[in-house]
Each structure stands twice: as structure tokens, then as C-alpha cells.
Amino acid sequence: MGCRPVSWLGRSPALFGAALAACLAAAGTVPAATIDVAPGGDLQQVVAAASPGDTLRLAPGSYGGVVIDKPLTIEGPADRSAVIDGGGQGKTITVKAPDVVIRRVTVRGSGLGLFEMDAGIFLDKTADRALVEENALEDNLIGVYIWGPKDAMVRANRIVGRRDLRMSERGSGIQLWNTPGSKVIDNDVEAGRDGIFTNASRKNVFRGNRFRDLRFAVHYMYTNDSEVSGNTSIGNHVGYAIMYSDRLVVRDNVSDGDRDHGLLLNSANGSEITGNVVRGGEKCVFIYNANKNRFTNNRFEGCEIGIHFTAGSERNEIAGNAFIGNRTQVMYVGTRYLDWSFEGRGNYWSDNPGFDLDGNGVADSAYRPNDVVDQVVWRFPAAKLLLNSPATQVVRWAQSQLPALHPGGVVDTVPLMAPPEIPAAERLGPRS
């Protein structure tokens, strides 16, 4: 289809240029262009005049919010001195087209409507394969919201939420909904509600991210067949909250000083939890109604409770882990016997007084982290008053001499004499 012959004598040169560009684009002969954009103008008009595939190169300065409805690249200087500011209203940048790239800009000033999904960068359902990388996102309700596109990538961004709001009023650093194949990699996130919150999604990868000053570092809801690996959570309320999600790989993550739980599994099933390190906090691990998971080569250290394991959790394999210096290594309020070993390999327990006379790396006797007194105290907390009484000491001595008195619970029949080497431990900082 060609262009109609029209006389442009005496008409606007700008109008002629726009018409010529549109005509050539229709003919498929316009190459992608790099357009230098200065602050002070209307960025939305520049986007409207650009052709698909163009790069808009922003000079340092301030720009207003924008809706991107065609495949474009918007990039700023390396120091992120080009600032796109939403002025406290709505979504600062909305992406409605596939193959859009947003790179090296500062994005700030979204609105505060959680129900309206106000965000610094909002990737709509049609924003397949969007790339958001090396940006600074500041003072937005939600940093980046990935709402339904496929195969989006959010990489190497610095995201700082609204410190002036209470944690319950903040949005997440990065939020995902029904976005199969999307990846969140190597971002720094702090001062939000959750670092990454995903709901009703699948086949996602969250790798190499760092989290501070949050409720949950990573919060999974109804997200299956995905990976959480190589992330670091420091001083949050909860490190990794895995809820109602199946067939995950949770690998090589660090939780350092997270207040309540380092790792929490609630109705999470069929997952591989390996190579993780949790240090400090109330509970290193809390397992609630989680089934058929495999916990191997993890390190749980310095918590009030190493692992709180509930009676509703079945057919989990727990072997090859290290439980080091926890005040209570295991809390299991149940009467069943659970053997925490697999194929001749148990776990390492720092308070195990056992011997290895044959030198095979396995203690010569089984290890029981709890006794009958623990069970009584968990069921009747007021019994703590009797912990140092002679009667309590007699009960503990009798149980040690007569194992048949044990009321059930966790036993490690082949406890390890040395903790396994876990590479993720190298990312731990000094103890505070």
C-alpha cells in the first residue's frame, strides 16, 4: 500500500515530517531511530510521535508520567539523572505494548492507591517480554507491578519504598500476578511491605536479589513450578514465606537476622529446599501442613527454635542439614515417631554428645532433640516453673535410661558428626 500524492506547499513542515514518517512506516522502510529528548517538554507527546522500535534517550532532568503503547526503549544516563515523576498520582509509567525496555532512569512519585495498583512502573497484560533494568525506583507505593504479561524481566534495579508510611500501608517492591515465565534478578529492595510478592503465577525465577526493612523478603501465594535461588534477606520480619505453592526449588538463599521466621512453609508441597542458610531470629524454619518436601544441606543456626514442625506435615525428607546453636533444636508437638534421616545419612546437631568410635562420620547412637519434659512444657507452658525441680530431673534421667518412656517425636538414627559445607554461608556478615 503506497502514499497518496498530496501537495504540501505552504503547509507545516512538522506535519509534513510526521506524515512522511507514517507513510514510510506503513511501507515498512523506516529504520529504528534514536531520539534525544530534553526535559521540559511533554514526554507523552514524544512517545506518541515515535515509531515502534525507536529509542528515546532522555537527558538529565525531570519528566512527567507516561503511558507507553508501542515497542520502545526509554533510557537515561548511567547516573540515572533523568527522573520520571508521577507527581503523586496514579501509575508513573504504564507499559501496554510488548518488547518495551526501560533502562537507567529514576522513577518516583506514584499514587497511593493499593486497589488502583498504583506503581512506579506498571507492566500491563499486553507488556510481554518487557525489560526493566538498572533503574532507581523511589517513593512509589509499589516499585514494579507485573500484572499479567509473559516473560517479563526485572533486573538490577534499586527499589526503595515509602519510609513515611507504616509497613502495613506500603506496597511491595516488586509484585507479580499471573505472569508466566517472568524473572526478577539481582535487584536491591528495601522499605516496602514485601520485597517480592507473587500470586497466581507459574514458572518464575527470583534470583540474586537483596532485601532489607520489609515484612516478607519473598512472599509466595499460589505460584507453582518456580525457583527462588541465591537471594539474601537481612533483618526483615520473615525471610522466605512459601504459601500454597507447589513444586518449587528454594536453593542457596540466606536469611540473616530475620525476626520471626527465616523460612516458612505453609501448605507448600513437593518442593526442593537445599543449600539455604538461616541465622538468628525466633524460628529458623516453620513447617505447617507442608508435605512431600525435601530438605537437604541447609544450615539453621542461632535461633530460638531451629525448626518448628507441625503434626499436619507428612512425608517430608529431612537429612544432611546442620542444626547449630539453636536454643531448642526441634519443636514437634506430636506423638508419632519421625526418623529424620535418609539412606544412612542424618543431620548434624551441635548439642549431640554422641561418639563416633568407628570413624565413619556418623554417631554411634541415635539423637533425640526433645524429651518428655519438652512435650509437657509445650502443652502446658506454666510447667516451666518446674524445669529445675528435682522431680523434673528424675523424669529426664529415667527417660535416658529407659527409652521406651519416650512419647514419640523426632529421632535421628544416623546423626552426622560434622556439619556439611554450604557455599551460601559465605554470604553471611558478622554476627551483630
Foldseek 3Di string as FASTA:
>chain_A
DADDDDDCVPHDPVVVVLVVVVRCVVVVNDDAEEAEDEPDDAVQVVLVSHDAPHEYEYEADEYEAYEHEHAYEYEYDLQQRYEYEPQQEAARYEYQAENHEYYSHEFERWHQDVVSVHESYEYEQRHAQYEYEHYEYEATQEHYEDERHEQYEYYHYEYEYDQVDDQVSGAEPYEYEAYANYEYAQYEYEHHAEPYEYEQYENYEYANYEYDHYQEPYHYYNYEHYEYAHYEYEAHQEYHAHELYEAYEYALYEYYARAAEDEEYYQYEHYEHELYEYEEYAEPYEYHLYEHYEYAHYEQYHHCEDYEYEPNYDHYAAFQYEQYHHVQDYHYQDQAADANYDPQTHEAYHPDPFDDVVPPQWGPFKDDRDFPVSNVCVVPVVCVVCCPPPVNVVRVVVCVVPVVPGRHDYMHGTYGPDHDDRVSVVPDDDDD
